[in-house]
Amino acid sequence: MSDDLQFIYKEEYWYISAFIDTSKINGAEKSQEIEILIKERFDNLTEADVYKKELKDDLFEMVKNVYIKCRWVPYLENFPYKEENSELKFNTLGYFQFEVEHFKDHPE
């Protein structure tokens, strides 16, 4: 039996956990706002935004062909939480899930 771990790439997801106050923020609507902001940022990327200039061409090609979809996933609802430094109150712990696919229309 081999102890080698093998990964077979099929889907890629990114996650950002967050507390929200559902009396003030709709997680599903916020996820759409975030998705739009990311897409706008990608569309308006300039050479000045690129840290490693030697990767600029690859980065622009990837950004031009990336598929990204964001959705809000509540994990613990009715979960009262008060942030002690800011006094902000929240009632839901969840995460924003980003489905990401590079070169979706060109899988090779």
Foldseek 3Di string as FASTA:
>chain_A
DDPDDDDDDDWDKDKDKDFAAVVVDDQFVVQVVVVVVVLVCLVPDDCVNDPDNVCVVVSNLQSVQKDKHKGKDWDDAQCWDADVPVRDIGGTITMIMITMDTNPVNPD
